[in-house]
N, C-alpha and C. Protein backbone atom coordinates (compact mmCIF):
# COMPACT_ATOMS: atom_id res chain seq x y z
N MET A 1 166.33 140.46 91.67
CA MET A 1 164.99 139.98 91.62
C MET A 1 164.15 140.81 92.58
N SER A 2 162.98 141.21 92.15
CA SER A 2 162.20 142.10 93.00
C SER A 2 161.05 141.40 93.69
N ALA A 3 160.83 140.14 93.44
CA ALA A 3 159.67 139.51 94.05
C ALA A 3 159.79 138.00 94.00
N VAL A 4 158.79 137.33 94.53
CA VAL A 4 158.77 135.87 94.56
C VAL A 4 158.93 135.35 93.14
N ASP A 5 159.86 134.42 92.96
CA ASP A 5 160.25 133.96 91.64
C ASP A 5 159.49 132.70 91.22
N VAL A 6 158.19 132.69 91.38
CA VAL A 6 157.35 131.61 90.88
C VAL A 6 156.00 132.21 90.52
N ARG A 7 155.28 131.55 89.63
CA ARG A 7 153.95 132.02 89.25
C ARG A 7 152.95 131.43 90.25
N ILE A 8 152.40 132.31 91.07
CA ILE A 8 151.56 131.85 92.17
C ILE A 8 150.12 132.31 92.07
N GLY A 9 149.81 133.18 91.11
CA GLY A 9 148.51 133.84 91.05
C GLY A 9 147.32 132.90 91.09
N ALA A 10 147.28 131.93 90.18
CA ALA A 10 146.14 131.02 90.11
C ALA A 10 146.00 130.21 91.39
N LYS A 11 147.12 129.76 91.94
CA LYS A 11 147.08 128.97 93.17
C LYS A 11 146.56 129.81 94.33
N LEU A 12 147.00 131.06 94.40
CA LEU A 12 146.56 131.96 95.46
C LEU A 12 145.06 132.25 95.33
N LYS A 13 144.61 132.52 94.11
CA LYS A 13 143.19 132.80 93.88
C LYS A 13 142.34 131.58 94.25
N ASN A 14 142.78 130.41 93.84
CA ASN A 14 142.06 129.18 94.16
C ASN A 14 141.95 129.00 95.67
N LEU A 15 143.04 129.23 96.38
CA LEU A 15 143.03 129.12 97.84
C LEU A 15 142.07 130.14 98.46
N ARG A 16 142.08 131.36 97.94
CA ARG A 16 141.17 132.41 98.44
C ARG A 16 139.72 132.00 98.24
N LEU A 17 139.40 131.49 97.05
CA LEU A 17 138.03 131.08 96.76
C LEU A 17 137.60 129.89 97.62
N ARG A 18 138.50 128.92 97.81
CA ARG A 18 138.21 127.77 98.69
C ARG A 18 138.01 128.20 100.13
N SER A 19 138.67 129.30 100.51
CA SER A 19 138.55 129.83 101.87
C SER A 19 137.32 130.71 102.02
N ASP A 20 136.60 130.91 100.91
CA ASP A 20 135.36 131.69 100.91
C ASP A 20 135.59 133.11 101.43
N ILE A 21 136.62 133.77 100.91
CA ILE A 21 136.91 135.15 101.29
C ILE A 21 137.00 135.98 100.01
N SER A 22 136.44 137.16 100.06
CA SER A 22 136.46 138.03 98.89
C SER A 22 137.85 138.63 98.69
N LEU A 23 138.07 139.13 97.50
CA LEU A 23 139.34 139.81 97.20
C LEU A 23 139.53 140.98 98.16
N ARG A 24 138.48 141.76 98.35
CA ARG A 24 138.55 142.91 99.25
C ARG A 24 138.80 142.47 100.70
N GLY A 25 138.12 141.41 101.13
CA GLY A 25 138.31 140.91 102.49
C GLY A 25 139.73 140.43 102.74
N LEU A 26 140.29 139.70 101.78
CA LEU A 26 141.66 139.21 101.93
C LEU A 26 142.65 140.36 101.91
N ALA A 27 142.44 141.31 101.00
CA ALA A 27 143.35 142.46 100.92
C ALA A 27 143.38 143.21 102.25
N GLN A 28 142.20 143.43 102.82
CA GLN A 28 142.12 144.14 104.09
C GLN A 28 142.80 143.35 105.21
N LYS A 29 142.53 142.06 105.27
CA LYS A 29 143.12 141.21 106.31
C LYS A 29 144.64 141.11 106.19
N ALA A 30 145.16 141.13 104.95
CA ALA A 30 146.60 141.01 104.72
C ALA A 30 147.33 142.35 104.70
N GLY A 31 146.57 143.45 104.71
CA GLY A 31 147.20 144.77 104.71
C GLY A 31 147.78 145.18 103.37
N VAL A 32 147.12 144.76 102.28
CA VAL A 32 147.54 145.17 100.93
C VAL A 32 146.34 145.76 100.21
N SER A 33 146.56 146.46 99.12
CA SER A 33 145.45 147.04 98.38
C SER A 33 144.75 145.97 97.54
N VAL A 34 143.49 146.21 97.25
CA VAL A 34 142.71 145.29 96.43
C VAL A 34 143.32 145.18 95.04
N SER A 35 143.73 146.33 94.47
CA SER A 35 144.31 146.31 93.13
C SER A 35 145.62 145.52 93.09
N TYR A 36 146.42 145.65 94.14
CA TYR A 36 147.68 144.90 94.20
C TYR A 36 147.41 143.39 94.29
N LEU A 37 146.49 143.00 95.18
CA LEU A 37 146.17 141.59 95.33
C LEU A 37 145.60 141.02 94.04
N SER A 38 144.77 141.79 93.37
CA SER A 38 144.22 141.36 92.08
C SER A 38 145.35 141.14 91.07
N ALA A 39 146.32 142.05 91.06
CA ALA A 39 147.46 141.91 90.14
C ALA A 39 148.29 140.67 90.48
N VAL A 40 148.44 140.38 91.77
CA VAL A 40 149.18 139.17 92.19
C VAL A 40 148.45 137.93 91.69
N GLU A 41 147.13 137.90 91.84
CA GLU A 41 146.35 136.74 91.39
C GLU A 41 146.40 136.56 89.88
N LYS A 42 146.67 137.64 89.14
CA LYS A 42 146.78 137.56 87.68
C LYS A 42 148.23 137.37 87.23
N ASP A 43 149.14 137.21 88.19
CA ASP A 43 150.57 137.08 87.93
C ASP A 43 151.15 138.29 87.20
N SER A 44 150.53 139.45 87.36
CA SER A 44 151.10 140.66 86.77
C SER A 44 151.86 141.48 87.82
N ALA A 45 151.83 141.02 89.07
CA ALA A 45 152.65 141.58 90.14
C ALA A 45 153.10 140.42 91.01
N SER A 46 154.30 140.53 91.56
CA SER A 46 154.84 139.47 92.42
C SER A 46 155.13 140.04 93.79
N PRO A 47 154.60 139.43 94.83
CA PRO A 47 154.84 139.94 96.19
C PRO A 47 156.23 139.57 96.69
N THR A 48 156.72 140.37 97.63
CA THR A 48 157.94 139.98 98.32
C THR A 48 157.58 138.80 99.22
N LEU A 49 158.57 138.11 99.74
CA LEU A 49 158.29 137.00 100.64
C LEU A 49 157.57 137.48 101.90
N ALA A 50 157.92 138.65 102.39
CA ALA A 50 157.25 139.19 103.58
C ALA A 50 155.78 139.45 103.30
N THR A 51 155.47 140.02 102.14
CA THR A 51 154.07 140.29 101.79
C THR A 51 153.32 139.00 101.56
N LEU A 52 153.95 138.04 100.87
CA LEU A 52 153.30 136.76 100.65
C LEU A 52 153.03 136.05 101.97
N ARG A 53 153.94 136.15 102.92
CA ARG A 53 153.73 135.55 104.24
C ARG A 53 152.48 136.13 104.90
N ARG A 54 152.29 137.47 104.78
CA ARG A 54 151.10 138.11 105.36
C ARG A 54 149.82 137.64 104.65
N ILE A 55 149.87 137.53 103.33
CA ILE A 55 148.70 137.06 102.58
C ILE A 55 148.35 135.63 102.97
N LEU A 56 149.36 134.78 103.05
CA LEU A 56 149.12 133.38 103.41
C LEU A 56 148.61 133.27 104.85
N ALA A 57 149.14 134.07 105.76
CA ALA A 57 148.67 134.06 107.15
C ALA A 57 147.20 134.48 107.21
N ALA A 58 146.81 135.44 106.37
CA ALA A 58 145.41 135.88 106.32
C ALA A 58 144.51 134.77 105.80
N LEU A 59 145.08 133.83 105.08
CA LEU A 59 144.34 132.66 104.57
C LEU A 59 144.53 131.44 105.47
N ASP A 60 145.11 131.65 106.65
CA ASP A 60 145.36 130.58 107.62
C ASP A 60 146.22 129.45 107.06
N THR A 61 147.26 129.84 106.33
CA THR A 61 148.21 128.84 105.83
C THR A 61 149.61 129.42 105.92
N ASN A 62 150.59 128.70 105.40
CA ASN A 62 151.98 129.14 105.47
C ASN A 62 152.72 128.76 104.19
N PHE A 63 153.98 129.14 104.11
CA PHE A 63 154.79 128.86 102.92
C PHE A 63 154.83 127.38 102.57
N ILE A 64 155.12 126.55 103.57
CA ILE A 64 155.31 125.13 103.29
C ILE A 64 154.04 124.51 102.71
N LYS A 65 152.91 124.79 103.34
CA LYS A 65 151.65 124.25 102.81
C LYS A 65 151.38 124.78 101.41
N PHE A 66 151.60 126.07 101.21
CA PHE A 66 151.28 126.71 99.93
C PHE A 66 152.15 126.19 98.79
N PHE A 67 153.43 125.99 99.05
CA PHE A 67 154.34 125.60 97.97
C PHE A 67 154.51 124.09 97.80
N SER A 68 153.94 123.30 98.71
CA SER A 68 154.07 121.85 98.54
C SER A 68 153.05 121.39 97.50
N ASP A 69 153.43 120.38 96.74
CA ASP A 69 152.54 119.85 95.72
C ASP A 69 151.36 119.14 96.35
N GLU A 70 151.60 118.44 97.41
CA GLU A 70 150.54 117.76 98.15
C GLU A 70 151.05 117.52 99.55
N GLU A 71 150.15 117.39 100.47
CA GLU A 71 150.55 117.14 101.85
C GLU A 71 151.05 115.72 101.99
N ASP A 72 152.20 115.55 102.58
CA ASP A 72 152.79 114.23 102.77
C ASP A 72 152.53 113.80 104.22
N ASN A 73 151.64 112.86 104.41
CA ASN A 73 151.32 112.40 105.76
C ASN A 73 151.94 111.06 106.06
N THR A 74 152.84 110.60 105.22
CA THR A 74 153.47 109.31 105.46
C THR A 74 154.66 109.49 106.39
N GLU A 75 154.91 108.48 107.19
CA GLU A 75 156.06 108.53 108.08
C GLU A 75 157.32 108.40 107.25
N GLN A 76 158.17 109.35 107.38
CA GLN A 76 159.41 109.37 106.63
C GLN A 76 160.45 110.08 107.48
N TYR A 77 161.65 109.55 107.53
CA TYR A 77 162.69 110.12 108.38
C TYR A 77 163.75 110.91 107.60
N PHE A 78 163.82 110.70 106.31
CA PHE A 78 164.85 111.33 105.51
C PHE A 78 164.20 112.09 104.37
N PHE A 79 164.77 113.24 104.02
CA PHE A 79 164.16 114.10 103.01
C PHE A 79 165.23 114.53 102.00
N ARG A 80 165.02 114.15 100.75
CA ARG A 80 165.98 114.44 99.68
C ARG A 80 165.83 115.88 99.19
N LYS A 81 166.94 116.45 98.81
CA LYS A 81 166.95 117.82 98.30
C LYS A 81 166.01 117.96 97.11
N SER A 82 165.90 116.93 96.30
CA SER A 82 165.06 117.00 95.10
C SER A 82 163.58 117.22 95.45
N GLY A 83 163.18 116.91 96.68
CA GLY A 83 161.80 117.10 97.09
C GLY A 83 161.54 118.40 97.82
N MET A 84 162.57 119.20 98.01
CA MET A 84 162.44 120.46 98.74
C MET A 84 162.05 121.57 97.79
N ARG A 85 161.31 122.56 98.28
CA ARG A 85 160.86 123.69 97.48
C ARG A 85 161.65 124.93 97.85
N THR A 86 161.93 125.76 96.84
CA THR A 86 162.67 127.01 97.04
C THR A 86 161.87 128.17 96.45
N VAL A 87 161.81 129.28 97.19
CA VAL A 87 161.21 130.52 96.69
C VAL A 87 162.22 131.65 96.88
N VAL A 88 162.15 132.64 95.99
CA VAL A 88 163.15 133.71 95.96
C VAL A 88 162.46 135.05 95.80
N ASP A 89 162.97 136.07 96.49
CA ASP A 89 162.59 137.45 96.18
C ASP A 89 163.86 138.27 96.07
N ARG A 90 163.76 139.58 96.11
CA ARG A 90 164.91 140.44 95.80
C ARG A 90 166.07 140.30 96.77
N ASP A 91 165.78 139.94 98.02
CA ASP A 91 166.86 139.91 98.99
C ASP A 91 166.94 138.61 99.80
N ARG A 92 166.10 137.61 99.44
CA ARG A 92 166.12 136.34 100.18
C ARG A 92 165.80 135.18 99.25
N GLU A 93 166.31 134.02 99.68
CA GLU A 93 165.97 132.76 99.03
C GLU A 93 165.72 131.76 100.15
N TYR A 94 164.54 131.14 100.15
CA TYR A 94 164.18 130.13 101.16
C TYR A 94 164.12 128.77 100.51
N THR A 95 164.74 127.77 101.13
CA THR A 95 164.51 126.37 100.77
C THR A 95 163.87 125.72 101.98
N PHE A 96 162.67 125.16 101.78
CA PHE A 96 161.94 124.51 102.86
C PHE A 96 162.45 123.09 102.98
N ILE A 97 163.12 122.79 104.07
CA ILE A 97 163.83 121.52 104.24
C ILE A 97 162.89 120.38 104.62
N LEU A 98 161.96 120.64 105.51
CA LEU A 98 161.04 119.60 105.97
C LEU A 98 159.65 119.80 105.36
N PRO A 99 158.93 118.72 105.11
CA PRO A 99 157.58 118.87 104.56
C PRO A 99 156.58 119.27 105.64
N GLN A 100 155.42 119.71 105.22
CA GLN A 100 154.33 120.02 106.15
C GLN A 100 153.65 118.70 106.52
N ARG A 101 153.81 118.30 107.77
CA ARG A 101 153.19 117.07 108.26
C ARG A 101 152.73 117.27 109.68
N ASP A 102 151.66 116.59 110.07
CA ASP A 102 151.12 116.74 111.42
C ASP A 102 152.13 116.38 112.51
N ASP A 103 153.00 115.41 112.24
CA ASP A 103 153.95 114.97 113.27
C ASP A 103 155.22 115.81 113.32
N ILE A 104 155.38 116.74 112.42
CA ILE A 104 156.57 117.62 112.41
C ILE A 104 156.13 118.99 112.91
N VAL A 105 156.64 119.42 114.06
CA VAL A 105 156.18 120.66 114.68
C VAL A 105 157.11 121.85 114.42
N ILE A 106 158.07 121.66 113.53
CA ILE A 106 158.95 122.78 113.16
C ILE A 106 158.95 122.95 111.65
N GLU A 107 159.25 124.17 111.23
CA GLU A 107 159.55 124.46 109.84
C GLU A 107 161.03 124.79 109.81
N MET A 108 161.79 124.08 109.03
CA MET A 108 163.22 124.32 108.93
C MET A 108 163.53 124.84 107.54
N MET A 109 164.31 125.93 107.48
CA MET A 109 164.63 126.55 106.20
C MET A 109 166.12 126.82 106.07
N ASP A 110 166.60 126.65 104.86
CA ASP A 110 167.94 127.08 104.46
C ASP A 110 167.71 128.43 103.79
N GLU A 111 168.17 129.51 104.41
CA GLU A 111 167.90 130.85 103.90
C GLU A 111 169.18 131.51 103.42
N ASN A 112 169.11 132.11 102.26
CA ASN A 112 170.20 132.93 101.73
C ASN A 112 169.72 134.36 101.65
N TYR A 113 170.47 135.28 102.23
CA TYR A 113 170.14 136.70 102.20
C TYR A 113 171.15 137.39 101.31
N PHE A 114 170.65 138.35 100.51
CA PHE A 114 171.48 139.10 99.58
C PHE A 114 171.30 140.59 99.87
N TYR A 115 172.28 141.38 99.50
CA TYR A 115 172.15 142.83 99.67
C TYR A 115 171.07 143.37 98.74
N SER A 116 170.27 144.28 99.26
CA SER A 116 169.28 145.01 98.48
C SER A 116 169.36 146.45 98.92
N ASP A 117 169.14 147.39 98.01
CA ASP A 117 169.20 148.79 98.40
C ASP A 117 167.97 149.22 99.20
N THR A 118 167.02 148.32 99.38
CA THR A 118 165.83 148.58 100.19
C THR A 118 165.83 147.67 101.41
N VAL A 119 165.70 148.25 102.59
CA VAL A 119 165.63 147.46 103.82
C VAL A 119 164.24 146.83 103.87
N PRO A 120 164.15 145.52 104.14
CA PRO A 120 162.83 144.87 104.15
C PRO A 120 161.96 145.37 105.30
N GLU A 121 160.66 145.18 105.14
CA GLU A 121 159.72 145.58 106.20
C GLU A 121 159.84 144.60 107.37
N PHE A 122 159.40 145.05 108.52
CA PHE A 122 159.36 144.17 109.69
C PHE A 122 158.28 143.12 109.48
N GLU A 123 158.54 141.90 109.97
CA GLU A 123 157.56 140.83 109.96
C GLU A 123 157.31 140.43 111.40
N THR A 124 156.05 140.29 111.78
CA THR A 124 155.72 139.82 113.12
C THR A 124 155.60 138.31 113.07
N MET A 125 156.43 137.66 113.83
CA MET A 125 156.47 136.21 113.81
C MET A 125 155.31 135.65 114.62
N GLU A 126 154.53 134.74 114.01
CA GLU A 126 153.40 134.12 114.69
C GLU A 126 153.83 132.92 115.52
N ASN A 127 155.08 132.54 115.37
CA ASN A 127 155.62 131.39 116.10
C ASN A 127 157.03 131.73 116.56
N ASP A 128 157.53 130.97 117.53
CA ASP A 128 158.92 131.16 117.95
C ASP A 128 159.82 130.89 116.74
N PHE A 129 160.86 131.70 116.60
CA PHE A 129 161.72 131.65 115.42
C PHE A 129 163.17 131.76 115.85
N SER A 130 164.02 130.89 115.33
CA SER A 130 165.43 130.95 115.67
C SER A 130 166.27 130.71 114.42
N GLY A 131 167.52 131.12 114.50
CA GLY A 131 168.39 130.94 113.36
C GLY A 131 169.84 130.84 113.75
N TYR A 132 170.62 130.23 112.87
CA TYR A 132 172.06 130.07 113.04
C TYR A 132 172.72 130.54 111.75
N VAL A 133 173.70 131.44 111.87
CA VAL A 133 174.39 131.97 110.69
C VAL A 133 175.47 130.97 110.27
N ILE A 134 175.26 130.34 109.13
CA ILE A 134 176.22 129.36 108.62
C ILE A 134 177.42 130.06 108.02
N SER A 135 177.15 131.11 107.23
CA SER A 135 178.25 131.86 106.61
C SER A 135 177.80 133.29 106.34
N GLY A 136 178.76 134.18 106.24
CA GLY A 136 178.47 135.57 105.93
C GLY A 136 178.11 136.40 107.14
N LYS A 137 177.54 137.58 106.86
CA LYS A 137 177.16 138.53 107.90
C LYS A 137 175.76 139.04 107.60
N ILE A 138 174.96 139.18 108.66
CA ILE A 138 173.59 139.66 108.51
C ILE A 138 173.27 140.63 109.64
N VAL A 139 172.41 141.60 109.36
CA VAL A 139 171.91 142.52 110.37
C VAL A 139 170.51 142.06 110.74
N VAL A 140 170.26 141.91 112.04
CA VAL A 140 168.94 141.51 112.52
C VAL A 140 168.42 142.60 113.45
N GLU A 141 167.19 143.03 113.20
CA GLU A 141 166.52 144.00 114.06
C GLU A 141 165.32 143.32 114.69
N VAL A 142 165.19 143.44 115.99
CA VAL A 142 164.09 142.84 116.73
C VAL A 142 163.39 143.94 117.52
N GLY A 143 162.11 144.16 117.22
CA GLY A 143 161.33 145.18 117.92
C GLY A 143 162.00 146.53 117.88
N ASP A 144 162.06 147.19 119.02
CA ASP A 144 162.66 148.53 119.12
C ASP A 144 164.14 148.48 119.45
N GLU A 145 164.71 147.27 119.52
CA GLU A 145 166.13 147.14 119.84
C GLU A 145 166.99 147.67 118.69
N PRO A 146 168.20 148.14 118.99
CA PRO A 146 169.08 148.59 117.91
C PRO A 146 169.49 147.40 117.03
N PRO A 147 169.85 147.66 115.77
CA PRO A 147 170.28 146.57 114.88
C PRO A 147 171.48 145.82 115.46
N THR A 148 171.48 144.51 115.28
CA THR A 148 172.57 143.66 115.76
C THR A 148 173.21 142.99 114.55
N HIS A 149 174.53 143.08 114.46
CA HIS A 149 175.27 142.46 113.37
C HIS A 149 175.70 141.06 113.81
N LEU A 150 175.27 140.05 113.04
CA LEU A 150 175.62 138.67 113.36
C LEU A 150 176.58 138.13 112.31
N ASP A 151 177.57 137.40 112.77
CA ASP A 151 178.58 136.78 111.90
C ASP A 151 178.40 135.28 111.88
N SER A 152 179.14 134.63 111.02
CA SER A 152 179.14 133.18 110.93
C SER A 152 179.36 132.59 112.33
N GLY A 153 178.49 131.63 112.71
CA GLY A 153 178.59 131.00 114.02
C GLY A 153 177.68 131.61 115.07
N ASP A 154 177.12 132.81 114.81
CA ASP A 154 176.20 133.45 115.74
C ASP A 154 174.80 132.89 115.54
N ALA A 155 173.94 133.07 116.55
CA ALA A 155 172.57 132.57 116.48
C ALA A 155 171.63 133.60 117.08
N PHE A 156 170.33 133.42 116.84
CA PHE A 156 169.31 134.29 117.43
C PHE A 156 168.06 133.48 117.74
N TYR A 157 167.25 134.02 118.64
CA TYR A 157 165.94 133.45 118.99
C TYR A 157 164.97 134.60 119.17
N VAL A 158 163.81 134.51 118.54
CA VAL A 158 162.79 135.55 118.64
C VAL A 158 161.47 134.89 119.02
N PRO A 159 160.87 135.26 120.16
CA PRO A 159 159.59 134.64 120.54
C PRO A 159 158.45 135.12 119.64
N ARG A 160 157.42 134.29 119.55
CA ARG A 160 156.27 134.64 118.70
C ARG A 160 155.66 135.96 119.13
N GLY A 161 155.05 136.63 118.15
CA GLY A 161 154.42 137.92 118.40
C GLY A 161 155.40 139.08 118.36
N THR A 162 156.65 138.82 118.02
CA THR A 162 157.69 139.85 118.00
C THR A 162 158.01 140.25 116.57
N ALA A 163 158.07 141.54 116.32
CA ALA A 163 158.43 142.04 114.98
C ALA A 163 159.94 141.96 114.80
N MET A 164 160.34 141.54 113.61
CA MET A 164 161.77 141.45 113.32
C MET A 164 162.02 141.59 111.83
N ARG A 165 163.26 141.82 111.47
CA ARG A 165 163.69 141.78 110.07
C ARG A 165 165.18 141.49 110.03
N GLY A 166 165.59 140.90 108.92
CA GLY A 166 167.01 140.62 108.70
C GLY A 166 167.39 141.07 107.30
N TYR A 167 168.62 141.55 107.16
CA TYR A 167 169.08 142.02 105.86
C TYR A 167 170.60 142.08 105.84
N CYS A 168 171.14 142.14 104.64
CA CYS A 168 172.59 142.25 104.48
C CYS A 168 172.95 143.67 104.06
N GLU A 169 174.08 144.13 104.57
CA GLU A 169 174.57 145.43 104.16
C GLU A 169 175.32 145.30 102.85
N LYS A 170 175.62 146.43 102.23
CA LYS A 170 176.25 146.45 100.91
C LYS A 170 177.52 145.59 100.88
N GLY A 171 177.60 144.74 99.87
CA GLY A 171 178.75 143.88 99.69
C GLY A 171 178.70 142.59 100.50
N GLU A 172 177.64 142.41 101.29
CA GLU A 172 177.53 141.23 102.14
C GLU A 172 176.42 140.30 101.65
N GLN A 173 176.52 139.05 102.04
CA GLN A 173 175.44 138.09 101.91
C GLN A 173 175.61 137.10 103.05
N ALA A 174 174.55 136.35 103.32
CA ALA A 174 174.60 135.43 104.45
C ALA A 174 173.76 134.20 104.16
N ARG A 175 174.17 133.11 104.76
CA ARG A 175 173.39 131.87 104.68
C ARG A 175 173.06 131.45 106.10
N LEU A 176 171.78 131.16 106.35
CA LEU A 176 171.30 130.80 107.67
C LEU A 176 170.52 129.50 107.63
N LEU A 177 170.52 128.80 108.73
CA LEU A 177 169.62 127.69 108.96
C LEU A 177 168.63 128.23 109.99
N THR A 178 167.34 128.28 109.63
CA THR A 178 166.35 128.83 110.54
C THR A 178 165.29 127.79 110.86
N VAL A 179 164.70 127.94 112.04
CA VAL A 179 163.67 127.02 112.50
C VAL A 179 162.52 127.83 113.09
N LEU A 180 161.32 127.50 112.65
CA LEU A 180 160.10 128.11 113.14
C LEU A 180 159.32 127.02 113.85
N TYR A 181 159.01 127.23 115.12
CA TYR A 181 158.25 126.25 115.89
C TYR A 181 156.77 126.53 115.66
N ARG A 182 156.08 125.59 115.02
CA ARG A 182 154.65 125.77 114.75
C ARG A 182 153.87 125.57 116.02
N LYS A 183 153.10 126.58 116.39
CA LYS A 183 152.30 126.48 117.61
C LYS A 183 151.20 125.44 117.43
N LYS A 184 150.89 124.78 118.49
CA LYS A 184 149.81 123.79 118.49
C LYS A 184 148.49 124.53 118.56
N SER A 185 147.45 123.92 118.02
CA SER A 185 146.13 124.50 118.16
C SER A 185 145.68 124.36 119.61
N ASP A 186 144.68 125.11 119.98
CA ASP A 186 144.22 125.12 121.37
C ASP A 186 143.78 123.75 121.87
N ASN A 187 143.33 122.89 120.96
CA ASN A 187 142.84 121.58 121.41
C ASN A 187 143.94 120.50 121.40
N GLU A 188 145.15 120.86 121.05
CA GLU A 188 146.26 119.91 121.08
C GLU A 188 147.11 120.19 122.32
N ALA A 189 147.53 119.17 123.00
CA ALA A 189 148.35 119.32 124.20
C ALA A 189 149.78 119.63 123.79
N GLU A 190 150.39 120.53 124.54
CA GLU A 190 151.81 120.82 124.33
C GLU A 190 152.63 119.69 124.94
N VAL A 191 153.73 119.36 124.30
CA VAL A 191 154.63 118.35 124.84
C VAL A 191 155.58 119.07 125.79
N LYS A 192 155.58 118.65 127.04
CA LYS A 192 156.45 119.28 128.05
C LYS A 192 157.55 118.32 128.45
N PRO A 193 158.80 118.82 128.50
CA PRO A 193 159.90 117.95 128.92
C PRO A 193 159.75 117.56 130.38
N GLU A 194 160.20 116.36 130.71
CA GLU A 194 160.11 115.88 132.10
C GLU A 194 161.36 116.23 132.87
């Protein structure tokens, strides 16, 4: 698979129009060409998850908000698999475990990585990001550091603002549980442990 495995064009265009941003303005802010973004909105091109993350960030949103059918603001402690959303591209599959809610300050994902003959681009994390390798082997690159090979049982933590990428080498695949800590807005107080 070479791109996100869902038809997102109309939803993305609607979000762009509601955000009152032009096609050219969004393309520039997300670092993609106008023609490519236009093709994505027409569902004639599909972005990778990394590219879609940049487009959504330029629209001040994220995967969970974008792929949820509606925002769930009800207090709920348990979440059934049937209510979780999954997106796929050529080398990754994300299942969003928790819904987007004001009282939930993390995004938790079940991620599957597959070998691809193309190494993914670096993504700069806007929030603290951590992961635990459930099974398989994955290569993680953080900033200018050399690639690190992680095996089942290994974990990583990357602070916000840091560029990183993860991928599998030929013949490998990996399953990870990852957590992204959503930063609070400037007017919300951080919760500090006592």
